[in-house]
C-alpha atoms as a PDB file:
ATOM      1  CA  PHE A   1     -68.737   0.718 -69.185  1.00  0.00           C
ATOM      2  CA  ASP A   2     -67.437  -0.086 -65.807  1.00  0.00           C
ATOM      3  CA  ALA A   3     -64.216   1.964 -65.541  1.00  0.00           C
ATOM      4  CA  ARG A   4     -62.190  -0.911 -63.992  1.00  0.00           C
ATOM      5  CA  LYS A   5     -63.296  -3.484 -66.587  1.00  0.00           C
ATOM      6  CA  LEU A   6     -62.641  -1.037 -69.410  1.00  0.00           C
ATOM      7  CA  GLN A   7     -59.125  -0.411 -68.070  1.00  0.00           C
ATOM      8  CA  LYS A   8     -58.408  -4.170 -67.942  1.00  0.00           C
ATOM      9  CA  LEU A   9     -59.696  -4.507 -71.497  1.00  0.00           C
ATOM     10  CA  LEU A  10     -57.551  -1.624 -72.817  1.00  0.00           C
ATOM     11  CA  ASN A  11     -54.437  -3.063 -71.040  1.00  0.00           C
ATOM     12  CA  ARG A  12     -54.954  -6.299 -72.990  1.00  0.00           C
ATOM     13  CA  TRP A  13     -55.956  -4.659 -76.326  1.00  0.00           C
ATOM     14  CA  PRO A  14     -53.946  -6.414 -79.084  1.00  0.00           C
ATOM     15  CA  ILE A  15     -51.608  -3.894 -80.799  1.00  0.00           C
ATOM     16  CA  PRO A  16     -50.922  -4.685 -84.391  1.00  0.00           C
ATOM     17  CA  VAL A  17     -47.223  -4.847 -85.434  1.00  0.00           C
ATOM     18  CA  MET A  18     -47.862  -3.995 -89.043  1.00  0.00           C
ATOM     19  CA  GLU A  19     -47.194  -0.423 -90.229  1.00  0.00           C
ATOM     20  CA  GLU A  20     -49.462  -0.797 -93.251  1.00  0.00           C
ATOM     21  CA  LEU A  21     -52.878  -2.283 -93.442  1.00  0.00           C
ATOM     22  CA  ASN A  22     -53.127  -5.449 -95.494  1.00  0.00           C
ATOM     23  CA  LEU A  23     -56.441  -7.248 -95.030  1.00  0.00           C
ATOM     24  CA  VAL A  24     -55.252 -10.360 -96.829  1.00  0.00           C
ATOM     25  CA  GLU A  25     -52.292 -10.779 -94.514  1.00  0.00           C
ATOM     26  CA  LEU A  26     -54.413  -9.917 -91.451  1.00  0.00           C
ATOM     27  CA  SER A  27     -56.961 -12.601 -92.430  1.00  0.00           C
ATOM     28  CA  LYS A  28     -54.167 -15.198 -92.787  1.00  0.00           C
ATOM     29  CA  GLU A  29     -52.758 -14.295 -89.383  1.00  0.00           C
ATOM     30  CA  LEU A  30     -56.161 -14.560 -87.764  1.00  0.00           C
ATOM     31  CA  GLU A  31     -56.822 -17.986 -89.242  1.00  0.00           C
ATOM     32  CA  LYS A  32     -53.630 -19.352 -87.582  1.00  0.00           C
ATOM     33  CA  ASP A  33     -54.195 -21.168 -84.251  1.00  0.00           C
ATOM     34  CA  ASP A  34     -50.820 -20.202 -82.891  1.00  0.00           C
ATOM     35  CA  THR A  35     -51.847 -16.820 -81.578  1.00  0.00           C
ATOM     36  CA  ASP A  36     -51.099 -16.184 -77.962  1.00  0.00           C
ATOM     37  CA  SER A  37     -54.017 -13.840 -77.487  1.00  0.00           C
ATOM     38  CA  ASP A  38     -57.582 -14.853 -76.596  1.00  0.00           C
ATOM     39  CA  SER A  39     -58.792 -11.318 -77.037  1.00  0.00           C
ATOM     40  CA  PRO A  40     -62.013 -11.021 -79.065  1.00  0.00           C
ATOM     41  CA  PHE A  41     -60.547  -7.692 -80.339  1.00  0.00           C
ATOM     42  CA  LEU A  42     -57.671  -9.417 -82.124  1.00  0.00           C
ATOM     43  CA  GLY A  43     -59.085  -8.795 -85.620  1.00  0.00           C
ATOM     44  CA  VAL A  44     -60.331  -5.281 -84.948  1.00  0.00           C
ATOM     45  CA  ILE A  45     -58.467  -2.703 -87.132  1.00  0.00           C
ATOM     46  CA  ARG A  46     -60.780   0.268 -86.505  1.00  0.00           C
ATOM     47  CA  SER A  47     -63.377   1.178 -83.944  1.00  0.00           C
ATOM     48  CA  LYS A  48     -65.152   4.412 -83.156  1.00  0.00           C
ATOM     49  CA  GLY A  49     -68.189   5.847 -81.514  1.00  0.00           C
ATOM     50  CA  PHE A  50     -69.440   7.146 -78.246  1.00  0.00           C
ATOM     51  CA  ALA A  51     -69.115   5.667 -74.814  1.00  0.00           C
ATOM     52  CA  TRP A  52     -70.445   6.172 -71.256  1.00  0.00           C
ATOM     53  CA  ILE A  53     -68.406   5.356 -68.171  1.00  0.00           C
ATOM     54  CA  SER A  54     -70.778   4.400 -65.293  1.00  0.00           C
ATOM     55  CA  PRO A  55     -69.973   6.058 -62.008  1.00  0.00           C
ATOM     56  CA  THR A  56     -67.439   4.263 -59.850  1.00  0.00           C
ATOM     57  CA  SER A  57     -64.854   5.262 -57.234  1.00  0.00           C
ATOM     58  CA  MET A  58     -62.535   6.148 -60.151  1.00  0.00           C
ATOM     59  CA  PHE A  59     -64.962   8.604 -61.778  1.00  0.00           C
ATOM     60  CA  ASP A  60     -67.088  11.198 -60.027  1.00  0.00           C
ATOM     61  CA  LEU A  61     -70.601  12.066 -61.017  1.00  0.00           C
ATOM     62  CA  ASP A  62     -69.464  14.898 -63.288  1.00  0.00           C
ATOM     63  CA  ASN A  63     -67.765  12.319 -65.477  1.00  0.00           C
ATOM     64  CA  HIS A  64     -70.951  10.291 -65.391  1.00  0.00           C
ATOM     65  CA  ASP A  65     -72.547  13.019 -67.469  1.00  0.00           C
ATOM     66  CA  THR A  66     -69.647  13.170 -69.957  1.00  0.00           C
ATOM     67  CA  VAL A  67     -69.880  11.682 -73.421  1.00  0.00           C
ATOM     68  CA  LEU A  68     -66.597  10.001 -74.400  1.00  0.00           C
ATOM     69  CA  TYR A  69     -65.547   9.790 -78.042  1.00  0.00           C
ATOM     70  CA  TRP A  70     -63.901   6.422 -78.718  1.00  0.00           C
ATOM     71  CA  SER A  71     -61.428   6.438 -81.611  1.00  0.00           C
ATOM     72  CA  HIS A  72     -59.167   3.516 -82.576  1.00  0.00           C
ATOM     73  CA  ALA A  73     -57.244   2.858 -85.758  1.00  0.00           C
ATOM     74  CA  GLY A  74     -54.393   0.426 -85.875  1.00  0.00           C
ATOM     75  CA  LYS A  75     -51.877   1.361 -83.160  1.00  0.00           C
ATOM     76  CA  HIS A  76     -53.725   4.484 -82.174  1.00  0.00           C
ATOM     77  CA  PHE A  77     -56.428   4.591 -79.502  1.00  0.00           C
ATOM     78  CA  GLY A  78     -58.100   7.455 -77.754  1.00  0.00           C
ATOM     79  CA  LEU A  79     -60.942   8.321 -75.459  1.00  0.00           C
ATOM     80  CA  LYS A  80     -61.739  11.988 -75.128  1.00  0.00           C
ATOM     81  CA  GLN A  81     -64.485  14.196 -73.808  1.00  0.00           C
ATOM     82  CA  ALA A  82     -67.140  15.052 -76.324  1.00  0.00           C
ATOM     83  CA  GLY A  83     -69.731  17.075 -74.431  1.00  0.00           C
ATOM     84  CA  SER A  84     -72.505  15.994 -72.128  1.00  0.00           C
ATOM     85  CA  TRP A  85     -75.279  13.463 -72.404  1.00  0.00           C
ATOM     86  CA  TRP A  86     -78.656  15.184 -73.061  1.00  0.00           C
ATOM     87  CA  ALA A  87     -80.003  13.479 -69.923  1.00  0.00           C
ATOM     88  CA  SER A  88     -77.513  15.358 -67.747  1.00  0.00           C
ATOM     89  CA  MET A  89     -79.418  18.592 -68.244  1.00  0.00           C
ATOM     90  CA  GLY A  90     -82.946  17.178 -67.752  1.00  0.00           C
ATOM     91  CA  LYS A  91     -85.682  16.971 -70.294  1.00  0.00           C
ATOM     92  CA  GLU A  92     -87.253  20.380 -69.477  1.00  0.00           C
ATOM     93  CA  ASN A  93     -83.960  22.260 -69.997  1.00  0.00           C
ATOM     94  CA  MET A  94     -83.285  20.243 -73.065  1.00  0.00           C
ATOM     95  CA  LYS A  95     -86.760  20.979 -74.436  1.00  0.00           C
ATOM     96  CA  LYS A  96     -86.208  24.753 -73.937  1.00  0.00           C
ATOM     97  CA  ILE A  97     -82.985  24.545 -76.053  1.00  0.00           C
ATOM     98  CA  PHE A  98     -84.954  22.896 -78.908  1.00  0.00           C
ATOM     99  CA  GLU A  99     -87.894  25.261 -78.602  1.00  0.00           C
ATOM    100  CA  ASP A 100     -85.534  28.289 -78.777  1.00  0.00           C
ATOM    101  CA  SER A 101     -83.927  26.878 -81.901  1.00  0.00           C
ATOM    102  CA  ASN A 102     -87.319  25.941 -83.364  1.00  0.00           C
ATOM    103  CA  ASN A 103     -86.324  22.317 -83.792  1.00  0.00           C
ATOM    104  CA  MET A 104     -88.906  20.292 -81.827  1.00  0.00           C
ATOM    105  CA  ALA A 105     -88.801  17.493 -84.368  1.00  0.00           C
ATOM    106  CA  GLU A 106     -85.192  16.749 -83.350  1.00  0.00           C
ATOM    107  CA  PHE A 107     -86.155  16.909 -79.661  1.00  0.00           C
ATOM    108  CA  ASP A 108     -88.899  14.386 -80.310  1.00  0.00           C
ATOM    109  CA  ARG A 109     -86.471  12.085 -82.253  1.00  0.00           C
ATOM    110  CA  ILE A 110     -83.905  12.212 -79.490  1.00  0.00           C
ATOM    111  CA  ILE A 111     -86.491  11.385 -76.803  1.00  0.00           C
ATOM    112  CA  ARG A 112     -87.927   8.590 -78.952  1.00  0.00           C
ATOM    113  CA  GLU A 113     -84.692   6.989 -80.196  1.00  0.00           C
ATOM    114  CA  ASP A 114     -81.974   7.893 -77.740  1.00  0.00           C
ATOM    115  CA  PHE A 115     -83.695   7.844 -74.350  1.00  0.00           C
ATOM    116  CA  VAL A 116     -83.837   4.064 -74.164  1.00  0.00           C
ATOM    117  CA  SER A 117     -83.615   3.933 -70.354  1.00  0.00           C
ATOM    118  CA  GLY A 118     -85.800   5.843 -67.935  1.00  0.00           C
ATOM    119  CA  GLU A 119     -83.000   5.726 -65.370  1.00  0.00           C
ATOM    120  CA  TRP A 120     -80.033   6.633 -67.577  1.00  0.00           C
ATOM    121  CA  GLY A 121     -81.654   8.621 -70.433  1.00  0.00           C
ATOM    122  CA  ASP A 122     -79.499   8.730 -73.502  1.00  0.00           C
ATOM    123  CA  ARG A 123     -76.327   7.385 -71.861  1.00  0.00           C
ATOM    124  CA  ARG A 124     -75.116   4.360 -73.805  1.00  0.00           C
ATOM    125  CA  GLN A 125     -72.354   2.605 -75.676  1.00  0.00           C
ATOM    126  CA  GLU A 126     -72.534   3.233 -79.400  1.00  0.00           C
ATOM    127  CA  ILE A 127     -69.341   1.860 -80.967  1.00  0.00           C
ATOM    128  CA  VAL A 128     -68.732   0.223 -84.325  1.00  0.00           C
ATOM    129  CA  PHE A 129     -65.943  -2.307 -84.747  1.00  0.00           C
ATOM    130  CA  ILE A 130     -64.376  -2.970 -88.218  1.00  0.00           C
ATOM    131  CA  GLY A 131     -61.951  -5.765 -88.936  1.00  0.00           C
ATOM    132  CA  ALA A 132     -61.491  -9.327 -90.086  1.00  0.00           C
ATOM    133  CA  ASN A 133     -62.855 -12.507 -88.528  1.00  0.00           C
ATOM    134  CA  LEU A 134     -64.435 -10.609 -85.641  1.00  0.00           C
ATOM    135  CA  ASP A 135     -65.865 -12.408 -82.646  1.00  0.00           C
ATOM    136  CA  GLU A 136     -69.117 -10.381 -82.204  1.00  0.00           C
ATOM    137  CA  ASP A 137     -70.287 -12.348 -79.158  1.00  0.00           C
ATOM    138  CA  GLY A 138     -66.843 -11.912 -77.498  1.00  0.00           C
ATOM    139  CA  ILE A 139     -66.815  -8.202 -78.229  1.00  0.00           C
ATOM    140  CA  ARG A 140     -70.314  -7.788 -76.823  1.00  0.00           C
ATOM    141  CA  ALA A 141     -69.321  -9.620 -73.662  1.00  0.00           C
END
C-alpha cells in the first residue's frame, strides 16, 4: 500500500455503531439507499491478513521490509509489525536457514508461490474481507 492512500482510507473507514453483530440487521441497513458513506468497506465486519507498505517519505526502508499484520473486527482495527518479508534477507540467506532446518521443500514452496515479483519478492497484500453486500471491485481499487 501507499502509506498516504492507506491513511486516507483508514480515516474514512466506516465504524459500526452496533455493539452486537446481527447480519440480518446489517444486510437491511446496507440495502437502504440513505447511507451517507460511499465507502466500499461499508459492509465489512471483519478483515485480516498481511500487508506491505511501499517506501515513501513517511516510511524508511527498514519499514519497507516489515510485514504488517492487519486485524479488524467491528470497531477494532490494528496494524502491527509481524516480522520481516523473506525477500528482505536475500534468497541465499533464506536458503541457508531452510537448509539448516532440513526443510528445503518449504523453501521451494515459498520461492514458487510467494515470490511473485522479481523486484519485490514476497512483499504483497494478502487480506481477506468478510461482511455483507461487499463491493469487491471497490475494495480492490
